[in-house]
Amino acid sequence: MRLHGSGNCLLGVDITSSAVRLVELRRLADGIQLESFAVCPIAEGAVVERRIHNPEDVVRALSEAVRQAGPVANRAVIALPSSAIISKVIELPLTLDDDEEIEALISLQSDQHIPFPFHDVAFDFQRLGVNARDAERQDVLLVACRNQDISQLQDIVTRAGLVAAVVDAEPFVIERVLAALCQQLVSLLGPHDGVAVVDVGSSTSFFHVFYEGRIAYSRHMTVGMAAPDNLLPENLAQDTRGFYQPEPVSFRLGDAVADAIDGALGVDNYRSEAFCDTLATQIERAQQLYCTTHSQPEVSRILLAGDATLLAGLEKRLARLCPGDVMIVNPFSGMTIGANVSSQRLQVHAPELLMACGLAMRAHP
């Protein structure tokens, strides 16, 4: 194992119900290089809807991911799921121009903004600018969570031999990645087009619509492999702004990647066909609900990420069901690929590494 600190490398660690995914990126003078990655399956039930229920199993999976990847860096970026945080835009006097003053006022008024006991709360904030209705007030994005949720993640990372450099919030990681996606599609998109991103998991998938730099709509879809007819939960809408600026990365799978995924699909035909049929119908429904409940323009492009063994079949079904173009994303197109990275393995796993890649792209603290 080659673990040691590295000033221009970060590890993105994405923990889901099916696997722990690790991506190591290095910032170069002329771009970003993928140094290493690993995908390690996790015991069933250890993580449910991105909430950790069995830390021991997660530590084992992350330790194995570190062993397989052999990263140079040890500084990890991890994310709290949407269900573990609250985020809201609050209004504060514009005269507060110092972060310490804003932090003190939020602490003083915590009972108005945070539904947790303040002694058990970690919070952060970002100034968004002058309030549109009152020129003497400013909008501030407040994000809060319980200390125990952060401590759990930090403990898991530490026990796997890493250092928890940053604890991010999943909604903002998604917005950062989607901003990077849209930068690369600028020649294909109008200035006000909506873009949908579907993150496909083995039991839970997410449908996000990205519009003018933010997530305008999100829907949580539970479609399990063993029970593809599971009912869909009620719509979950989000109205948050991200903290971070996008990085210039190109996103597109080539023919070789599509062929690799098609090959993997043959391993379990029922798994792909039944699941893809059901999920495609749910995505069509999610898109229709978005169009009927939001005044923003319709979705002009659907981007697919997640479990690569499912995406090729899903792409074909969505192309028949939904208007607009459908494509599978590759967060590493346009990056330099390190000499120790297996191109064949990367082709198969690239679409499911989108979140881990977004975490590793985070600006160094």
Protein backbone atom coordinates (compact mmCIF):
# COMPACT_ATOMS: atom_id res chain seq x y z
CA MET A 1 0.00 0.00 0.00
CA ARG A 2 1.38 3.41 -1.01
CA LEU A 3 -0.60 5.61 1.31
CA HIS A 4 0.83 9.01 2.16
CA GLY A 5 -0.28 12.60 1.92
CA SER A 6 -0.30 14.27 -1.48
CA GLY A 7 -0.99 17.94 -1.91
CA ASN A 8 -2.62 17.71 -5.34
CA CYS A 9 -4.49 14.40 -5.01
CA LEU A 10 -7.82 13.64 -3.38
CA LEU A 11 -9.78 10.42 -3.00
CA GLY A 12 -13.51 10.42 -3.64
CA VAL A 13 -15.27 7.73 -1.57
CA ASP A 14 -18.85 6.91 -2.58
CA ILE A 15 -20.70 4.51 -0.25
CA THR A 16 -23.90 2.96 -1.63
CA SER A 17 -26.09 -0.02 -0.82
CA SER A 18 -24.33 -2.21 -3.40
CA ALA A 19 -20.68 -1.12 -3.34
CA VAL A 20 -17.98 1.19 -2.09
CA ARG A 21 -16.43 3.15 -4.94
CA LEU A 22 -13.10 4.94 -4.72
CA VAL A 23 -11.57 7.38 -7.22
CA GLU A 24 -8.20 9.11 -6.93
CA LEU A 25 -7.67 12.23 -9.04
CA ARG A 26 -4.51 14.29 -9.42
CA ARG A 27 -4.57 17.92 -10.51
CA LEU A 28 -2.01 18.67 -13.19
CA ALA A 29 -0.99 22.00 -14.67
CA ASP A 30 -3.04 21.27 -17.81
CA GLY A 31 -5.95 19.25 -16.40
CA ILE A 32 -6.85 16.26 -14.23
CA GLN A 33 -5.41 12.74 -14.18
CA LEU A 34 -7.12 9.60 -12.94
CA GLU A 35 -4.54 7.90 -10.71
CA SER A 36 -6.53 4.92 -9.44
CA PHE A 37 -9.98 3.58 -8.76
CA ALA A 38 -11.69 0.58 -7.20
CA VAL A 39 -15.21 -0.82 -6.88
CA CYS A 40 -15.82 -3.28 -4.03
CA PRO A 41 -19.19 -4.93 -3.32
CA ILE A 42 -20.70 -4.48 0.10
CA ALA A 43 -22.73 -6.89 2.22
CA GLU A 44 -26.48 -6.72 1.67
CA GLY A 45 -28.19 -4.55 4.28
CA ALA A 46 -25.01 -2.79 5.40
CA VAL A 47 -26.18 0.39 3.69
CA VAL A 48 -29.84 1.14 2.99
CA GLU A 49 -30.71 4.18 0.86
CA ARG A 50 -27.23 5.56 1.55
CA ARG A 51 -27.63 5.37 5.33
CA ILE A 52 -25.05 3.13 7.02
CA HIS A 53 -26.52 0.35 9.20
CA ASN A 54 -23.46 -1.88 9.60
CA PRO A 55 -20.22 0.15 9.83
CA GLU A 56 -18.07 -2.99 10.13
CA ASP A 57 -19.08 -4.19 6.66
CA VAL A 58 -18.46 -0.74 5.20
CA VAL A 59 -14.98 -0.58 6.76
CA ARG A 60 -14.17 -3.98 5.27
CA ALA A 61 -15.34 -2.93 1.79
CA LEU A 62 -13.51 0.41 1.92
CA SER A 63 -10.32 -1.25 3.19
CA GLU A 64 -10.48 -3.68 0.27
CA ALA A 65 -11.04 -0.78 -2.16
CA VAL A 66 -7.96 0.95 -0.77
CA ARG A 67 -5.96 -2.27 -1.09
CA GLN A 68 -7.03 -2.79 -4.70
CA ALA A 69 -6.49 0.81 -5.81
CA GLY A 70 -3.19 1.31 -3.94
CA PRO A 71 -3.66 5.11 -3.95
CA VAL A 72 -0.84 7.58 -3.56
CA ALA A 73 -3.03 9.94 -1.53
CA ASN A 74 -4.78 9.29 1.75
CA ARG A 75 -7.01 12.39 1.94
CA ALA A 76 -10.61 11.36 1.32
CA VAL A 77 -13.73 13.33 0.44
CA ILE A 78 -16.97 11.70 1.57
CA ALA A 79 -20.58 12.81 1.37
CA LEU A 80 -23.59 12.78 3.63
CA PRO A 81 -26.80 11.66 1.89
CA SER A 82 -29.68 14.06 1.36
CA SER A 83 -31.67 12.29 4.08
CA ALA A 84 -29.02 13.17 6.68
CA ILE A 85 -28.93 16.92 6.09
CA ILE A 86 -31.21 19.92 6.02
CA SER A 87 -30.56 22.84 3.72
CA LYS A 88 -32.42 26.11 3.46
CA VAL A 89 -31.88 29.64 2.25
CA ILE A 90 -32.19 32.17 5.08
CA GLU A 91 -32.20 35.96 4.99
CA LEU A 92 -29.73 37.93 7.09
CA PRO A 93 -28.82 41.63 7.26
CA LEU A 94 -26.52 42.73 4.46
CA THR A 95 -24.37 44.54 7.01
CA LEU A 96 -23.06 41.16 8.15
CA ASP A 97 -20.06 40.87 5.86
CA ASP A 98 -17.85 38.73 8.08
CA ASP A 99 -18.18 34.95 8.24
CA GLU A 100 -17.63 34.91 11.99
CA GLU A 101 -20.49 37.37 12.49
CA ILE A 102 -22.80 35.24 10.33
CA GLU A 103 -21.78 32.09 12.17
CA ALA A 104 -22.46 33.75 15.53
CA LEU A 105 -25.92 34.94 14.44
CA ILE A 106 -26.87 31.52 13.06
CA SER A 107 -25.77 29.95 16.35
CA LEU A 108 -27.84 32.47 18.28
CA GLN A 109 -30.93 31.86 16.10
CA SER A 110 -30.38 28.12 15.66
CA ASP A 111 -33.80 27.18 17.05
CA GLN A 112 -35.40 29.12 14.16
CA HIS A 113 -33.49 27.31 11.43
CA ILE A 114 -32.28 23.90 12.64
CA PRO A 115 -34.66 21.18 13.94
CA PHE A 116 -31.94 19.46 16.00
CA PRO A 117 -30.56 20.24 19.46
CA PHE A 118 -27.78 22.74 18.77
CA HIS A 119 -25.21 20.82 20.84
CA ASP A 120 -25.61 17.92 18.37
CA VAL A 121 -25.33 20.02 15.21
CA ALA A 122 -22.63 20.71 12.65
CA PHE A 123 -23.44 23.42 10.14
CA ASP A 124 -21.92 25.34 7.26
CA PHE A 125 -23.15 28.21 5.12
CA GLN A 126 -22.54 30.04 1.85
CA ARG A 127 -23.43 33.63 1.06
CA LEU A 128 -25.50 33.78 -2.15
CA GLY A 129 -25.76 37.55 -2.62
CA VAL A 130 -28.24 40.35 -2.13
CA ASN A 131 -31.84 39.30 -1.58
CA ALA A 132 -33.99 39.91 -4.65
CA ARG A 133 -36.82 41.51 -2.64
CA ASP A 134 -34.88 43.54 -0.07
CA ALA A 135 -31.64 45.29 -1.00
CA GLU A 136 -30.70 45.56 2.67
CA ARG A 137 -30.67 41.80 3.24
CA GLN A 138 -28.65 38.92 1.84
CA ASP A 139 -29.48 35.29 1.08
CA VAL A 140 -27.40 32.68 2.89
CA LEU A 141 -27.55 28.95 2.17
CA LEU A 142 -27.48 27.06 5.48
CA VAL A 143 -26.66 23.34 5.65
CA ALA A 144 -26.84 21.39 8.90
CA CYS A 145 -26.60 17.79 10.07
CA ARG A 146 -26.12 15.81 13.25
CA ASN A 147 -22.57 15.47 14.54
CA GLN A 148 -23.05 11.73 14.91
CA ASP A 149 -23.56 11.31 11.15
CA ILE A 150 -20.28 13.05 10.42
CA SER A 151 -18.50 11.13 13.17
CA GLN A 152 -19.68 7.82 11.75
CA LEU A 153 -18.27 8.60 8.29
CA GLN A 154 -15.01 9.92 9.72
CA ASP A 155 -14.58 6.81 11.86
CA ILE A 156 -15.13 4.49 8.89
CA VAL A 157 -12.63 6.37 6.74
CA THR A 158 -10.04 6.45 9.53
CA ARG A 159 -10.37 2.72 10.23
CA ALA A 160 -9.74 2.05 6.53
CA GLY A 161 -6.42 3.90 6.77
CA LEU A 162 -7.50 7.19 5.23
CA VAL A 163 -7.91 10.74 6.47
CA ALA A 164 -11.34 12.39 6.20
CA ALA A 165 -10.25 15.68 4.58
CA VAL A 166 -13.74 16.89 3.64
CA VAL A 167 -17.30 15.88 4.48
CA ASP A 168 -19.45 17.11 1.61
CA ALA A 169 -23.22 17.09 1.08
CA GLU A 170 -24.57 14.79 -1.62
CA PRO A 171 -26.93 17.33 -3.26
CA PHE A 172 -24.06 19.74 -3.82
CA VAL A 173 -21.79 17.03 -5.20
CA ILE A 174 -24.53 16.19 -7.69
CA GLU A 175 -24.89 19.83 -8.71
CA ARG A 176 -21.14 20.17 -9.15
CA VAL A 177 -20.98 17.09 -11.37
CA LEU A 178 -24.02 18.13 -13.40
CA ALA A 179 -22.52 21.56 -13.97
CA ALA A 180 -19.41 19.86 -15.37
CA LEU A 181 -21.57 17.63 -17.57
CA CYS A 182 -23.45 20.59 -19.00
CA GLN A 183 -20.23 22.49 -19.69
CA GLN A 184 -19.17 19.69 -22.00
CA LEU A 185 -22.58 19.62 -23.71
CA VAL A 186 -22.78 23.36 -24.24
CA SER A 187 -22.65 23.00 -28.04
CA LEU A 188 -25.66 20.64 -27.91
CA LEU A 189 -27.79 22.58 -25.43
CA GLY A 190 -29.73 25.80 -25.65
CA PRO A 191 -29.12 28.44 -22.97
CA HIS A 192 -32.26 27.43 -21.04
CA ASP A 193 -32.52 23.71 -21.75
CA GLY A 194 -33.24 21.25 -18.99
CA VAL A 195 -30.98 18.20 -18.62
CA ALA A 196 -32.01 15.07 -16.74
CA VAL A 197 -29.51 12.77 -15.08
CA VAL A 198 -30.54 9.28 -13.98
CA ASP A 199 -28.24 7.63 -11.42
CA VAL A 200 -29.08 3.93 -11.59
CA GLY A 201 -28.57 1.66 -8.58
CA SER A 202 -29.43 -1.97 -7.93
CA SER A 203 -32.35 -1.07 -5.67
CA THR A 204 -32.65 2.72 -5.66
CA SER A 205 -32.26 5.14 -8.55
CA PHE A 206 -32.49 8.93 -8.74
CA PHE A 207 -33.88 11.22 -11.42
CA HIS A 208 -32.52 14.78 -11.31
CA VAL A 209 -33.35 17.69 -13.60
CA PHE A 210 -30.57 20.26 -13.83
CA TYR A 211 -31.61 23.72 -14.99
CA GLU A 212 -29.60 26.96 -15.06
CA GLY A 213 -26.90 25.76 -12.68
CA ARG A 214 -29.03 24.03 -10.07
CA ILE A 215 -31.12 20.95 -9.40
CA ALA A 216 -34.67 22.02 -10.12
CA TYR A 217 -36.32 18.66 -9.48
CA SER A 218 -35.40 15.29 -7.97
CA ARG A 219 -37.26 12.03 -7.75
CA HIS A 220 -36.29 8.96 -5.73
CA MET A 221 -37.18 5.71 -7.52
CA THR A 222 -37.17 2.34 -5.74
CA VAL A 223 -37.05 -0.41 -8.34
CA GLY A 224 -35.33 -3.51 -6.94
CA MET A 225 -33.68 -6.24 -9.00
CA ALA A 226 -35.62 -9.00 -7.28
CA ALA A 227 -38.89 -7.10 -7.29
CA PRO A 228 -39.02 -4.79 -10.33
CA ASP A 229 -42.64 -3.88 -9.72
CA ASN A 230 -41.99 -2.03 -6.46
CA LEU A 231 -44.07 1.06 -6.02
CA LEU A 232 -42.54 4.46 -6.52
CA PRO A 233 -42.39 6.80 -3.48
CA GLU A 234 -43.91 10.23 -3.61
CA ASN A 235 -41.99 12.91 -5.44
CA LEU A 236 -39.04 14.40 -3.58
CA ALA A 237 -38.26 17.92 -4.79
CA GLN A 238 -35.15 19.84 -3.84
CA ASP A 239 -34.45 23.54 -4.06
CA THR A 240 -30.81 24.02 -3.23
CA ARG A 241 -27.79 25.72 -4.68
CA GLY A 242 -24.34 24.17 -4.73
CA PHE A 243 -21.26 25.63 -3.12
CA TYR A 244 -18.67 24.71 -5.68
CA GLN A 245 -17.59 25.62 -9.19
CA PRO A 246 -17.49 22.97 -11.94
CA GLU A 247 -14.31 21.54 -13.35
CA PRO A 248 -13.78 21.13 -17.14
CA VAL A 249 -14.25 17.42 -17.85
CA SER A 250 -15.75 15.77 -20.95
CA PHE A 251 -18.43 13.11 -20.53
CA ARG A 252 -19.18 10.53 -23.24
CA LEU A 253 -18.78 6.81 -23.66
CA GLY A 254 -17.22 5.54 -26.85
CA ASP A 255 -18.18 2.44 -28.81
CA ALA A 256 -15.67 0.31 -26.90
CA VAL A 257 -17.36 1.14 -23.62
CA ALA A 258 -20.80 0.39 -25.00
CA ASP A 259 -19.51 -2.97 -26.27
CA ALA A 260 -18.04 -3.76 -22.85
CA ILE A 261 -21.34 -2.99 -21.17
CA ASP A 262 -23.28 -5.02 -23.72
CA GLY A 263 -21.01 -7.97 -22.92
CA ALA A 264 -21.68 -7.63 -19.21
CA LEU A 265 -25.41 -7.53 -19.84
CA GLY A 266 -25.29 -11.05 -21.23
CA VAL A 267 -24.34 -12.44 -17.81
CA ASP A 268 -27.83 -12.04 -16.43
CA ASN A 269 -30.46 -11.41 -19.05
CA TYR A 270 -33.42 -11.34 -16.66
CA ARG A 271 -31.62 -8.91 -14.37
CA SER A 272 -31.13 -6.43 -17.18
CA GLU A 273 -34.34 -6.79 -19.16
CA ALA A 274 -36.90 -6.86 -16.36
CA PHE A 275 -35.15 -4.16 -14.39
CA CYS A 276 -34.61 -1.89 -17.42
CA ASP A 277 -38.22 -2.24 -18.61
CA THR A 278 -39.56 -1.23 -15.20
CA LEU A 279 -37.07 1.56 -14.59
CA ALA A 280 -37.55 3.03 -18.07
CA THR A 281 -41.29 3.30 -17.39
CA GLN A 282 -40.63 4.99 -14.05
CA ILE A 283 -38.21 7.46 -15.67
CA GLU A 284 -40.81 8.29 -18.31
CA ARG A 285 -43.31 8.93 -15.53
CA ALA A 286 -40.83 11.08 -13.60
CA GLN A 287 -40.18 13.18 -16.69
CA GLN A 288 -43.90 13.64 -17.27
CA LEU A 289 -44.42 14.69 -13.64
CA TYR A 290 -41.61 17.21 -13.94
CA CYS A 291 -43.15 18.70 -17.07
CA THR A 292 -46.61 19.02 -15.51
CA THR A 293 -45.44 20.52 -12.20
CA HIS A 294 -42.67 22.88 -13.32
CA SER A 295 -42.68 25.91 -15.57
CA GLN A 296 -39.08 25.38 -16.73
CA PRO A 297 -38.44 24.06 -20.28
CA GLU A 298 -38.80 20.39 -21.02
CA VAL A 299 -35.85 18.03 -20.69
CA SER A 300 -33.87 18.03 -23.91
CA ARG A 301 -31.31 15.36 -22.97
CA ILE A 302 -31.18 12.42 -20.55
CA LEU A 303 -27.79 11.36 -19.17
CA LEU A 304 -27.37 7.92 -17.62
CA ALA A 305 -24.94 7.02 -14.84
CA GLY A 306 -24.68 4.18 -12.35
CA ASP A 307 -24.58 0.39 -12.65
CA ALA A 308 -22.91 -0.10 -16.02
CA THR A 309 -24.33 -3.60 -16.58
CA LEU A 310 -27.78 -2.05 -16.90
CA LEU A 311 -27.21 1.17 -18.78
CA ALA A 312 -26.96 -0.05 -22.37
CA GLY A 313 -30.34 -1.77 -22.18
CA LEU A 314 -31.86 1.20 -20.37
CA GLU A 315 -30.49 3.61 -22.96
CA LYS A 316 -32.24 1.73 -25.78
CA ARG A 317 -35.57 1.62 -23.95
CA LEU A 318 -35.50 5.30 -23.00
CA ALA A 319 -34.70 6.31 -26.56
CA ARG A 320 -38.09 4.83 -27.53
CA LEU A 321 -40.06 6.21 -24.58
CA CYS A 322 -38.74 9.71 -23.90
CA PRO A 323 -38.24 12.75 -26.10
CA GLY A 324 -34.72 14.13 -26.42
CA ASP A 325 -31.37 12.42 -26.74
CA VAL A 326 -30.22 9.73 -24.30
CA MET A 327 -26.56 9.02 -23.60
CA ILE A 328 -24.36 7.16 -21.09
CA VAL A 329 -21.81 9.35 -19.31
CA ASN A 330 -18.14 8.79 -18.66
CA PRO A 331 -16.68 11.22 -16.11
CA PHE A 332 -13.12 10.44 -17.20
CA SER A 333 -13.33 11.38 -20.89
CA GLY A 334 -10.98 14.30 -21.41
CA MET A 335 -8.84 13.34 -18.42
CA THR A 336 -5.37 11.84 -18.55
CA ILE A 337 -5.46 8.20 -17.47
CA GLY A 338 -2.63 7.05 -15.20
CA ALA A 339 -0.33 4.24 -16.26
CA ASN A 340 -1.54 1.95 -13.46
CA VAL A 341 -5.21 2.17 -14.46
CA SER A 342 -6.67 -0.73 -16.44
CA SER A 343 -8.45 0.74 -19.47
CA GLN A 344 -10.64 -2.35 -19.85
CA ARG A 345 -11.85 -2.22 -16.24
CA LEU A 346 -12.36 1.52 -16.46
CA GLN A 347 -14.55 1.15 -19.55
CA VAL A 348 -16.90 -1.15 -17.67
CA HIS A 349 -17.00 0.78 -14.38
CA ALA A 350 -16.78 4.42 -15.53
CA PRO A 351 -20.52 5.26 -15.45
CA GLU A 352 -20.93 4.08 -11.84
CA LEU A 353 -17.99 6.22 -10.68
CA LEU A 354 -19.71 9.53 -11.37
CA MET A 355 -20.36 10.40 -7.71
CA ALA A 356 -16.91 9.27 -6.54
CA CYS A 357 -15.38 11.31 -9.33
CA GLY A 358 -17.40 14.36 -8.30
CA LEU A 359 -16.16 13.98 -4.73
CA ALA A 360 -12.54 13.71 -5.84
CA MET A 361 -12.96 16.80 -8.04
CA ARG A 362 -13.76 18.89 -4.99
CA ALA A 363 -11.43 21.86 -4.49
CA HIS A 364 -8.70 21.14 -1.98
CA PRO A 365 -9.48 22.49 1.50
